[in-house]
Amino acid sequence: MLMYVCAGIRYLSEDAGLRHLLLEPGVYAAGTVNNILAGKDFDRAMTTFKMIDEALNSRLLIKVEVWCIGNDKDLGDDLDRALRNIKYIKSMTDTENETCRNI
């Protein structure tokens, strides 16, 4: 049954570029992506889908912040706290990536 769930995700996201998103930056190899999208590697598929969900939700929250600032709307305490956490994690990741490039 879990294979069918992954296959359904593949079917729904085929034209959206999910395969390209996983292959192009070198996150996974081609065979691994095929196994993930076919549902044959469920553990890795769940990790991948969680990673994609986190990235998309972070992007959405940042866009909401930009809209709120542009329209003079109050963000609210919870949203403001979540955005600060996202920006902190992003700054830490950018710092680590810069350190790796300098090595």
PDB file of N, CA and C in Angstrom:
ATOM      1  N   MET A   1       0.823  -1.185   0.000  1.00  0.00           N
ATOM      2  CA  MET A   1       0.000   0.000   0.000  1.00  0.00           C
ATOM      3  C   MET A   1       0.877   1.263   0.000  1.00  0.00           C
ATOM      4  N   LEU A   2       1.994   1.227   0.730  1.00  0.00           N
ATOM      5  CA  LEU A   2       2.854   2.397   0.785  1.00  0.00           C
ATOM      6  C   LEU A   2       3.514   2.683  -0.559  1.00  0.00           C
ATOM      7  N   MET A   3       3.772   1.630  -1.337  1.00  0.00           N
ATOM      8  CA  MET A   3       4.317   1.827  -2.676  1.00  0.00           C
ATOM      9  C   MET A   3       3.346   2.612  -3.539  1.00  0.00           C
ATOM     10  N   TYR A   4       2.057   2.345  -3.373  1.00  0.00           N
ATOM     11  CA  TYR A   4       1.044   3.051  -4.145  1.00  0.00           C
ATOM     12  C   TYR A   4       0.963   4.525  -3.755  1.00  0.00           C
ATOM     13  N   VAL A   5       1.195   4.821  -2.491  1.00  0.00           N
ATOM     14  CA  VAL A   5       1.199   6.217  -2.052  1.00  0.00           C
ATOM     15  C   VAL A   5       2.338   6.970  -2.732  1.00  0.00           C
ATOM     16  N   CYS A   6       3.525   6.392  -2.725  1.00  0.00           N
ATOM     17  CA  CYS A   6       4.679   7.027  -3.378  1.00  0.00           C
ATOM     18  C   CYS A   6       4.461   7.139  -4.885  1.00  0.00           C
ATOM     19  N   ALA A   7       3.900   6.112  -5.470  1.00  0.00           N
ATOM     20  CA  ALA A   7       3.615   6.151  -6.905  1.00  0.00           C
ATOM     21  C   ALA A   7       2.579   7.238  -7.208  1.00  0.00           C
ATOM     22  N   GLY A   8       1.622   7.426  -6.306  1.00  0.00           N
ATOM     23  CA  GLY A   8       0.636   8.495  -6.474  1.00  0.00           C
ATOM     24  C   GLY A   8       1.276   9.870  -6.399  1.00  0.00           C
ATOM     25  N   ILE A   9       2.211  10.032  -5.478  1.00  0.00           N
ATOM     26  CA  ILE A   9       2.940  11.298  -5.389  1.00  0.00           C
ATOM     27  C   ILE A   9       3.728  11.530  -6.671  1.00  0.00           C
ATOM     28  N   ARG A  10       4.354  10.468  -7.177  1.00  0.00           N
ATOM     29  CA  ARG A  10       5.092  10.592  -8.439  1.00  0.00           C
ATOM     30  C   ARG A  10       4.151  11.020  -9.559  1.00  0.00           C
ATOM     31  N   TYR A  11       2.992  10.412  -9.638  1.00  0.00           N
ATOM     32  CA  TYR A  11       2.029  10.729 -10.690  1.00  0.00           C
ATOM     33  C   TYR A  11       1.581  12.187 -10.595  1.00  0.00           C
ATOM     34  N   LEU A  12       1.297  12.652  -9.386  1.00  0.00           N
ATOM     35  CA  LEU A  12       0.811  14.016  -9.201  1.00  0.00           C
ATOM     36  C   LEU A  12       1.894  15.069  -9.424  1.00  0.00           C
ATOM     37  N   SER A  13       3.138  14.717  -9.146  1.00  0.00           N
ATOM     38  CA  SER A  13       4.209  15.712  -9.240  1.00  0.00           C
ATOM     39  C   SER A  13       5.114  15.515 -10.453  1.00  0.00           C
ATOM     40  N   GLU A  14       4.725  14.645 -11.347  1.00  0.00           N
ATOM     41  CA  GLU A  14       5.581  14.334 -12.489  1.00  0.00           C
ATOM     42  C   GLU A  14       5.887  15.574 -13.337  1.00  0.00           C
ATOM     43  N   ASP A  15       4.886  16.372 -13.611  1.00  0.00           N
ATOM     44  CA  ASP A  15       5.085  17.557 -14.436  1.00  0.00           C
ATOM     45  C   ASP A  15       5.600  18.753 -13.632  1.00  0.00           C
ATOM     46  N   ALA A  16       5.614  18.650 -12.318  1.00  0.00           N
ATOM     47  CA  ALA A  16       6.057  19.766 -11.477  1.00  0.00           C
ATOM     48  C   ALA A  16       7.570  19.795 -11.305  1.00  0.00           C
ATOM     49  N   GLY A  17       8.266  18.771 -11.712  1.00  0.00           N
ATOM     50  CA  GLY A  17       9.721  18.774 -11.659  1.00  0.00           C
ATOM     51  C   GLY A  17      10.313  18.156 -10.409  1.00  0.00           C
ATOM     52  N   LEU A  18       9.578  17.271  -9.744  1.00  0.00           N
ATOM     53  CA  LEU A  18      10.092  16.642  -8.535  1.00  0.00           C
ATOM     54  C   LEU A  18      11.339  15.812  -8.831  1.00  0.00           C
ATOM     55  N   ARG A  19      11.313  15.057  -9.908  1.00  0.00           N
ATOM     56  CA  ARG A  19      12.482  14.245 -10.288  1.00  0.00           C
ATOM     57  C   ARG A  19      13.687  15.154 -10.551  1.00  0.00           C
ATOM     58  N   HIS A  20      13.465  16.227 -11.272  1.00  0.00           N
ATOM     59  CA  HIS A  20      14.531  17.182 -11.576  1.00  0.00           C
ATOM     60  C   HIS A  20      15.056  17.835 -10.296  1.00  0.00           C
ATOM     61  N   LEU A  21      14.161  18.145  -9.365  1.00  0.00           N
ATOM     62  CA  LEU A  21      14.546  18.751  -8.089  1.00  0.00           C
ATOM     63  C   LEU A  21      15.481  17.850  -7.294  1.00  0.00           C
ATOM     64  N   LEU A  22      15.280  16.550  -7.373  1.00  0.00           N
ATOM     65  CA  LEU A  22      16.101  15.612  -6.622  1.00  0.00           C
ATOM     66  C   LEU A  22      17.394  15.241  -7.349  1.00  0.00           C
ATOM     67  N   LEU A  23      17.363  15.269  -8.676  1.00  0.00           N
ATOM     68  CA  LEU A  23      18.537  14.871  -9.457  1.00  0.00           C
ATOM     69  C   LEU A  23      19.520  16.010  -9.680  1.00  0.00           C
ATOM     70  N   GLU A  24      19.032  17.172 -10.057  1.00  0.00           N
ATOM     71  CA  GLU A  24      19.894  18.262 -10.513  1.00  0.00           C
ATOM     72  C   GLU A  24      20.933  18.718  -9.483  1.00  0.00           C
ATOM     73  N   PRO A  25      20.555  18.981  -8.231  1.00  0.00           N
ATOM     74  CA  PRO A  25      21.583  19.429  -7.287  1.00  0.00           C
ATOM     75  C   PRO A  25      22.443  18.296  -6.740  1.00  0.00           C
ATOM     76  N   GLY A  26      22.178  17.066  -7.164  1.00  0.00           N
ATOM     77  CA  GLY A  26      22.969  15.940  -6.700  1.00  0.00           C
ATOM     78  C   GLY A  26      22.533  15.409  -5.347  1.00  0.00           C
ATOM     79  N   VAL A  27      21.281  15.650  -5.001  1.00  0.00           N
ATOM     80  CA  VAL A  27      20.767  15.143  -3.732  1.00  0.00           C
ATOM     81  C   VAL A  27      20.750  13.623  -3.756  1.00  0.00           C
ATOM     82  N   TYR A  28      20.247  13.061  -4.831  1.00  0.00           N
ATOM     83  CA  TYR A  28      20.196  11.607  -5.002  1.00  0.00           C
ATOM     84  C   TYR A  28      20.630  11.238  -6.413  1.00  0.00           C
ATOM     85  N   ALA A  29      21.065  10.002  -6.578  1.00  0.00           N
ATOM     86  CA  ALA A  29      21.413   9.479  -7.901  1.00  0.00           C
ATOM     87  C   ALA A  29      20.133   9.075  -8.633  1.00  0.00           C
ATOM     88  N   ALA A  30      20.243   8.868  -9.935  1.00  0.00           N
ATOM     89  CA  ALA A  30      19.070   8.583 -10.761  1.00  0.00           C
ATOM     90  C   ALA A  30      18.348   7.310 -10.320  1.00  0.00           C
ATOM     91  N   GLY A  31      19.083   6.264 -10.024  1.00  0.00           N
ATOM     92  CA  GLY A  31      18.451   5.014  -9.593  1.00  0.00           C
ATOM     93  C   GLY A  31      17.723   5.169  -8.266  1.00  0.00           C
ATOM     94  N   THR A  32      18.300   5.947  -7.366  1.00  0.00           N
ATOM     95  CA  THR A  32      17.670   6.180  -6.073  1.00  0.00           C
ATOM     96  C   THR A  32      16.379   6.955  -6.245  1.00  0.00           C
ATOM     97  N   VAL A  33      16.397   7.969  -7.119  1.00  0.00           N
ATOM     98  CA  VAL A  33      15.187   8.757  -7.368  1.00  0.00           C
ATOM     99  C   VAL A  33      14.103   7.870  -7.964  1.00  0.00           C
ATOM    100  N   ASN A  34      14.482   6.993  -8.877  1.00  0.00           N
ATOM    101  CA  ASN A  34      13.493   6.073  -9.453  1.00  0.00           C
ATOM    102  C   ASN A  34      12.888   5.175  -8.378  1.00  0.00           C
ATOM    103  N   ASN A  35      13.718   4.672  -7.474  1.00  0.00           N
ATOM    104  CA  ASN A  35      13.213   3.823  -6.388  1.00  0.00           C
ATOM    105  C   ASN A  35      12.322   4.606  -5.430  1.00  0.00           C
ATOM    106  N   ILE A  36      12.695   5.831  -5.130  1.00  0.00           N
ATOM    107  CA  ILE A  36      11.880   6.663  -4.238  1.00  0.00           C
ATOM    108  C   ILE A  36      10.515   6.912  -4.856  1.00  0.00           C
ATOM    109  N   LEU A  37      10.510   7.333  -6.108  1.00  0.00           N
ATOM    110  CA  LEU A  37       9.246   7.679  -6.754  1.00  0.00           C
ATOM    111  C   LEU A  37       8.409   6.459  -7.113  1.00  0.00           C
ATOM    112  N   ALA A  38       9.028   5.285  -7.177  1.00  0.00           N
ATOM    113  CA  ALA A  38       8.270   4.058  -7.416  1.00  0.00           C
ATOM    114  C   ALA A  38       7.762   3.458  -6.112  1.00  0.00           C
ATOM    115  N   GLY A  39       8.260   3.979  -4.978  1.00  0.00           N
ATOM    116  CA  GLY A  39       7.825   3.479  -3.683  1.00  0.00           C
ATOM    117  C   GLY A  39       8.609   2.283  -3.190  1.00  0.00           C
ATOM    118  N   LYS A  40       9.718   1.975  -3.829  1.00  0.00           N
ATOM    119  CA  LYS A  40      10.495   0.797  -3.441  1.00  0.00           C
ATOM    120  C   LYS A  40      11.464   1.074  -2.296  1.00  0.00           C
ATOM    121  N   ASP A  41      11.731   2.340  -2.029  1.00  0.00           N
ATOM    122  CA  ASP A  41      12.610   2.725  -0.923  1.00  0.00           C
ATOM    123  C   ASP A  41      11.828   3.686  -0.038  1.00  0.00           C
ATOM    124  N   PHE A  42      10.933   3.123   0.757  1.00  0.00           N
ATOM    125  CA  PHE A  42       9.965   3.939   1.487  1.00  0.00           C
ATOM    126  C   PHE A  42      10.626   4.824   2.533  1.00  0.00           C
ATOM    127  N   ASP A  43      11.607   4.320   3.259  1.00  0.00           N
ATOM    128  CA  ASP A  43      12.254   5.125   4.303  1.00  0.00           C
ATOM    129  C   ASP A  43      12.911   6.364   3.706  1.00  0.00           C
ATOM    130  N   ARG A  44      13.631   6.179   2.631  1.00  0.00           N
ATOM    131  CA  ARG A  44      14.280   7.316   1.972  1.00  0.00           C
ATOM    132  C   ARG A  44      13.235   8.244   1.350  1.00  0.00           C
ATOM    133  N   ALA A  45      12.149   7.680   0.866  1.00  0.00           N
ATOM    134  CA  ALA A  45      11.073   8.499   0.296  1.00  0.00           C
ATOM    135  C   ALA A  45      10.462   9.400   1.359  1.00  0.00           C
ATOM    136  N   MET A  46      10.233   8.858   2.547  1.00  0.00           N
ATOM    137  CA  MET A  46       9.647   9.677   3.617  1.00  0.00           C
ATOM    138  C   MET A  46      10.601  10.801   4.018  1.00  0.00           C
ATOM    139  N   THR A  47      11.884  10.504   4.106  1.00  0.00           N
ATOM    140  CA  THR A  47      12.869  11.538   4.421  1.00  0.00           C
ATOM    141  C   THR A  47      12.873  12.614   3.343  1.00  0.00           C
ATOM    142  N   THR A  48      12.822  12.195   2.099  1.00  0.00           N
ATOM    143  CA  THR A  48      12.826  13.126   0.974  1.00  0.00           C
ATOM    144  C   THR A  48      11.585  13.993   0.975  1.00  0.00           C
ATOM    145  N   PHE A  49      10.417  13.392   1.169  1.00  0.00           N
ATOM    146  CA  PHE A  49       9.181  14.165   1.148  1.00  0.00           C
ATOM    147  C   PHE A  49       9.109  15.134   2.324  1.00  0.00           C
ATOM    148  N   LYS A  50       9.652  14.749   3.466  1.00  0.00           N
ATOM    149  CA  LYS A  50       9.711  15.669   4.612  1.00  0.00           C
ATOM    150  C   LYS A  50      10.633  16.843   4.306  1.00  0.00           C
ATOM    151  N   MET A  51      11.764  16.571   3.662  1.00  0.00           N
ATOM    152  CA  MET A  51      12.711  17.619   3.309  1.00  0.00           C
ATOM    153  C   MET A  51      12.075  18.611   2.325  1.00  0.00           C
ATOM    154  N   ILE A  52      11.379  18.103   1.338  1.00  0.00           N
ATOM    155  CA  ILE A  52      10.721  18.955   0.353  1.00  0.00           C
ATOM    156  C   ILE A  52       9.615  19.768   1.014  1.00  0.00           C
ATOM    157  N   ASP A  53       8.839  19.137   1.885  1.00  0.00           N
ATOM    158  CA  ASP A  53       7.765  19.835   2.586  1.00  0.00           C
ATOM    159  C   ASP A  53       8.317  20.974   3.437  1.00  0.00           C
ATOM    160  N   GLU A  54       9.407  20.719   4.131  1.00  0.00           N
ATOM    161  CA  GLU A  54      10.016  21.754   4.970  1.00  0.00           C
ATOM    162  C   GLU A  54      10.504  22.927   4.135  1.00  0.00           C
ATOM    163  N   ALA A  55      11.122  22.640   3.007  1.00  0.00           N
ATOM    164  CA  ALA A  55      11.623  23.707   2.140  1.00  0.00           C
ATOM    165  C   ALA A  55      10.478  24.541   1.576  1.00  0.00           C
ATOM    166  N   LEU A  56       9.413  23.886   1.128  1.00  0.00           N
ATOM    167  CA  LEU A  56       8.284  24.616   0.563  1.00  0.00           C
ATOM    168  C   LEU A  56       7.551  25.439   1.620  1.00  0.00           C
ATOM    169  N   ASN A  57       7.386  24.890   2.814  1.00  0.00           N
ATOM    170  CA  ASN A  57       6.723  25.645   3.883  1.00  0.00           C
ATOM    171  C   ASN A  57       7.558  26.838   4.318  1.00  0.00           C
ATOM    172  N   SER A  58       8.869  26.684   4.374  1.00  0.00           N
ATOM    173  CA  SER A  58       9.744  27.805   4.718  1.00  0.00           C
ATOM    174  C   SER A  58       9.622  28.905   3.675  1.00  0.00           C
ATOM    175  N   ARG A  59       9.633  28.511   2.427  1.00  0.00           N
ATOM    176  CA  ARG A  59       9.501  29.484   1.324  1.00  0.00           C
ATOM    177  C   ARG A  59       8.161  30.211   1.403  1.00  0.00           C
ATOM    178  N   LEU A  60       7.097  29.476   1.718  1.00  0.00           N
ATOM    179  CA  LEU A  60       5.773  30.075   1.837  1.00  0.00           C
ATOM    180  C   LEU A  60       5.739  31.095   2.971  1.00  0.00           C
ATOM    181  N   LEU A  61       6.314  30.755   4.118  1.00  0.00           N
ATOM    182  CA  LEU A  61       6.313  31.681   5.249  1.00  0.00           C
ATOM    183  C   LEU A  61       7.092  32.954   4.932  1.00  0.00           C
ATOM    184  N   ILE A  62       8.180  32.820   4.218  1.00  0.00           N
ATOM    185  CA  ILE A  62       8.954  34.001   3.837  1.00  0.00           C
ATOM    186  C   ILE A  62       8.147  34.883   2.893  1.00  0.00           C
ATOM    187  N   LYS A  63       7.430  34.284   1.952  1.00  0.00           N
ATOM    188  CA  LYS A  63       6.582  35.055   1.034  1.00  0.00           C
ATOM    189  C   LYS A  63       5.437  35.738   1.778  1.00  0.00           C
ATOM    190  N   VAL A  64       4.872  35.071   2.789  1.00  0.00           N
ATOM    191  CA  VAL A  64       3.820  35.681   3.602  1.00  0.00           C
ATOM    192  C   VAL A  64       4.375  36.894   4.343  1.00  0.00           C
ATOM    193  N   GLU A  65       5.598  36.765   4.864  1.00  0.00           N
ATOM    194  CA  GLU A  65       6.219  37.892   5.555  1.00  0.00           C
ATOM    195  C   GLU A  65       6.395  39.076   4.615  1.00  0.00           C
ATOM    196  N   VAL A  66       6.868  38.833   3.418  1.00  0.00           N
ATOM    197  CA  VAL A  66       7.058  39.907   2.442  1.00  0.00           C
ATOM    198  C   VAL A  66       5.722  40.577   2.134  1.00  0.00           C
ATOM    199  N   TRP A  67       4.676  39.774   1.960  1.00  0.00           N
ATOM    200  CA  TRP A  67       3.356  40.328   1.676  1.00  0.00           C
ATOM    201  C   TRP A  67       2.856  41.164   2.849  1.00  0.00           C
ATOM    202  N   CYS A  68       3.019  40.660   4.062  1.00  0.00           N
ATOM    203  CA  CYS A  68       2.561  41.393   5.253  1.00  0.00           C
ATOM    204  C   CYS A  68       3.287  42.717   5.403  1.00  0.00           C
ATOM    205  N   ILE A  69       4.584  42.712   5.160  1.00  0.00           N
ATOM    206  CA  ILE A  69       5.351  43.956   5.264  1.00  0.00           C
ATOM    207  C   ILE A  69       4.923  44.935   4.178  1.00  0.00           C
ATOM    208  N   GLY A  70       4.708  44.436   2.969  1.00  0.00           N
ATOM    209  CA  GLY A  70       4.291  45.295   1.861  1.00  0.00           C
ATOM    210  C   GLY A  70       2.890  45.871   2.022  1.00  0.00           C
ATOM    211  N   ASN A  71       2.035  45.195   2.769  1.00  0.00           N
ATOM    212  CA  ASN A  71       0.659  45.642   2.960  1.00  0.00           C
ATOM    213  C   ASN A  71       0.384  46.153   4.370  1.00  0.00           C
ATOM    214  N   ASP A  72       1.439  46.421   5.122  1.00  0.00           N
ATOM    215  CA  ASP A  72       1.327  46.948   6.497  1.00  0.00           C
ATOM    216  C   ASP A  72       0.406  46.104   7.377  1.00  0.00           C
ATOM    217  N   LYS A  73       0.595  44.801   7.325  1.00  0.00           N
ATOM    218  CA  LYS A  73      -0.183  43.880   8.164  1.00  0.00           C
ATOM    219  C   LYS A  73       0.695  43.362   9.291  1.00  0.00           C
ATOM    220  N   ASP A  74       0.069  43.052  10.418  1.00  0.00           N
ATOM    221  CA  ASP A  74       0.791  42.512  11.570  1.00  0.00           C
ATOM    222  C   ASP A  74       1.027  41.022  11.362  1.00  0.00           C
ATOM    223  N   LEU A  75       2.249  40.574  11.607  1.00  0.00           N
ATOM    224  CA  LEU A  75       2.595  39.169  11.429  1.00  0.00           C
ATOM    225  C   LEU A  75       2.029  38.276  12.527  1.00  0.00           C
ATOM    226  N   GLY A  76       1.903  38.783  13.707  1.00  0.00           N
ATOM    227  CA  GLY A  76       1.500  37.946  14.826  1.00  0.00           C
ATOM    228  C   GLY A  76       2.733  37.321  15.464  1.00  0.00           C
ATOM    229  N   ASP A  77       2.629  37.025  16.735  1.00  0.00           N
ATOM    230  CA  ASP A  77       3.785  36.523  17.483  1.00  0.00           C
ATOM    231  C   ASP A  77       4.255  35.157  17.005  1.00  0.00           C
ATOM    232  N   ASP A  78       3.315  34.237  16.755  1.00  0.00           N
ATOM    233  CA  ASP A  78       3.700  32.885  16.351  1.00  0.00           C
ATOM    234  C   ASP A  78       4.390  32.877  14.996  1.00  0.00           C
ATOM    235  N   LEU A  79       3.838  33.615  14.048  1.00  0.00           N
ATOM    236  CA  LEU A  79       4.437  33.670  12.716  1.00  0.00           C
ATOM    237  C   LEU A  79       5.789  34.369  12.762  1.00  0.00           C
ATOM    238  N   ASP A  80       5.878  35.425  13.536  1.00  0.00           N
ATOM    239  CA  ASP A  80       7.146  36.138  13.664  1.00  0.00           C
ATOM    240  C   ASP A  80       8.226  35.238  14.263  1.00  0.00           C
ATOM    241  N   ARG A  81       7.872  34.458  15.264  1.00  0.00           N
ATOM    242  CA  ARG A  81       8.818  33.532  15.897  1.00  0.00           C
ATOM    243  C   ARG A  81       9.257  32.455  14.898  1.00  0.00           C
ATOM    244  N   ALA A  82       8.319  31.914  14.138  1.00  0.00           N
ATOM    245  CA  ALA A  82       8.652  30.885  13.147  1.00  0.00           C
ATOM    246  C   ALA A  82       9.592  31.433  12.079  1.00  0.00           C
ATOM    247  N   LEU A  83       9.346  32.657  11.637  1.00  0.00           N
ATOM    248  CA  LEU A  83      10.210  33.260  10.623  1.00  0.00           C
ATOM    249  C   LEU A  83      11.612  33.526  11.155  1.00  0.00           C
ATOM    250  N   ARG A  84      11.718  33.945  12.409  1.00  0.00           N
ATOM    251  CA  ARG A  84      13.044  34.148  12.996  1.00  0.00           C
ATOM    252  C   ARG A  84      13.809  32.831  13.066  1.00  0.00           C
ATOM    253  N   ASN A  85      13.107  31.736  13.397  1.00  0.00           N
ATOM    254  CA  ASN A  85      13.753  30.417  13.438  1.00  0.00           C
ATOM    255  C   ASN A  85      14.237  29.998  12.054  1.00  0.00           C
ATOM    256  N   ILE A  86      13.409  30.227  11.043  1.00  0.00           N
ATOM    257  CA  ILE A  86      13.777  29.872   9.672  1.00  0.00           C
ATOM    258  C   ILE A  86      15.002  30.662   9.238  1.00  0.00           C
ATOM    259  N   LYS A  87      15.001  31.961   9.518  1.00  0.00           N
ATOM    260  CA  LYS A  87      16.136  32.801   9.115  1.00  0.00           C
ATOM    261  C   LYS A  87      17.403  32.408   9.869  1.00  0.00           C
ATOM    262  N   TYR A  88      17.269  32.028  11.134  1.00  0.00           N
ATOM    263  CA  TYR A  88      18.429  31.593  11.910  1.00  0.00           C
ATOM    264  C   TYR A  88      19.012  30.305  11.325  1.00  0.00           C
ATOM    265  N   ILE A  89      18.158  29.342  11.030  1.00  0.00           N
ATOM    266  CA  ILE A  89      18.617  28.073  10.453  1.00  0.00           C
ATOM    267  C   ILE A  89      19.255  28.324   9.094  1.00  0.00           C
ATOM    268  N   LYS A  90      18.644  29.194   8.281  1.00  0.00           N
ATOM    269  CA  LYS A  90      19.202  29.509   6.967  1.00  0.00           C
ATOM    270  C   LYS A  90      20.568  30.166   7.102  1.00  0.00           C
ATOM    271  N   SER A  91      20.733  31.072   8.053  1.00  0.00           N
ATOM    272  CA  SER A  91      22.031  31.721   8.233  1.00  0.00           C
ATOM    273  C   SER A  91      23.087  30.712   8.683  1.00  0.00           C
ATOM    274  N   MET A  92      22.699  29.763   9.549  1.00  0.00           N
ATOM    275  CA  MET A  92      23.638  28.729   9.992  1.00  0.00           C
ATOM    276  C   MET A  92      24.040  27.840   8.817  1.00  0.00           C
ATOM    277  N   THR A  93      23.084  27.479   7.977  1.00  0.00           N
ATOM    278  CA  THR A  93      23.354  26.644   6.808  1.00  0.00           C
ATOM    279  C   THR A  93      24.249  27.376   5.825  1.00  0.00           C
ATOM    280  N   ASP A  94      23.970  28.671   5.591  1.00  0.00           N
ATOM    281  CA  ASP A  94      24.802  29.457   4.680  1.00  0.00           C
ATOM    282  C   ASP A  94      26.231  29.555   5.198  1.00  0.00           C
ATOM    283  N   THR A  95      26.395  29.707   6.516  1.00  0.00           N
ATOM    284  CA  THR A  95      27.726  29.776   7.123  1.00  0.00           C
ATOM    285  C   THR A  95      28.476  28.459   6.933  1.00  0.00           C
ATOM    286  N   GLU A  96      27.779  27.329   7.133  1.00  0.00           N
ATOM    287  CA  GLU A  96      28.407  26.020   6.949  1.00  0.00           C
ATOM    288  C   GLU A  96      28.796  25.804   5.504  1.00  0.00           C
ATOM    289  N   ASN A  97      27.919  26.216   4.565  1.00  0.00           N
ATOM    290  CA  ASN A  97      28.226  26.059   3.139  1.00  0.00           C
ATOM    291  C   ASN A  97      29.432  26.901   2.749  1.00  0.00           C
ATOM    292  N   GLU A  98      29.529  28.120   3.285  1.00  0.00           N
ATOM    293  CA  GLU A  98      30.668  28.990   2.993  1.00  0.00           C
ATOM    294  C   GLU A  98      31.953  28.381   3.531  1.00  0.00           C
ATOM    295  N   THR A  99      31.893  27.797   4.728  1.00  0.00           N
ATOM    296  CA  THR A  99      33.058  27.150   5.324  1.00  0.00           C
ATOM    297  C   THR A  99      33.514  25.969   4.468  1.00  0.00           C
ATOM    298  N   CYS A 100      32.557  25.185   3.980  1.00  0.00           N
ATOM    299  CA  CYS A 100      32.895  24.033   3.132  1.00  0.00           C
ATOM    300  C   CYS A 100      33.530  24.477   1.826  1.00  0.00           C
ATOM    301  N   ARG A 101      33.068  25.597   1.251  1.00  0.00           N
ATOM    302  CA  ARG A 101      33.641  26.082   0.000  1.00  0.00           C
ATOM    303  C   ARG A 101      35.069  26.570   0.186  1.00  0.00           C
ATOM    304  N   ASN A 102      35.373  27.085   1.377  1.00  0.00           N
ATOM    305  CA  ASN A 102      36.712  27.616   1.629  1.00  0.00           C
ATOM    306  C   ASN A 102      37.744  26.529   1.915  1.00  0.00           C
ATOM    307  N   ILE A 103      37.294  25.325   2.194  1.00  0.00           N
ATOM    308  CA  ILE A 103      38.227  24.232   2.537  1.00  0.00           C
ATOM    309  C   ILE A 103      38.888  23.678   1.308  1.00  0.00           C
TER     310      ILE A 103
END
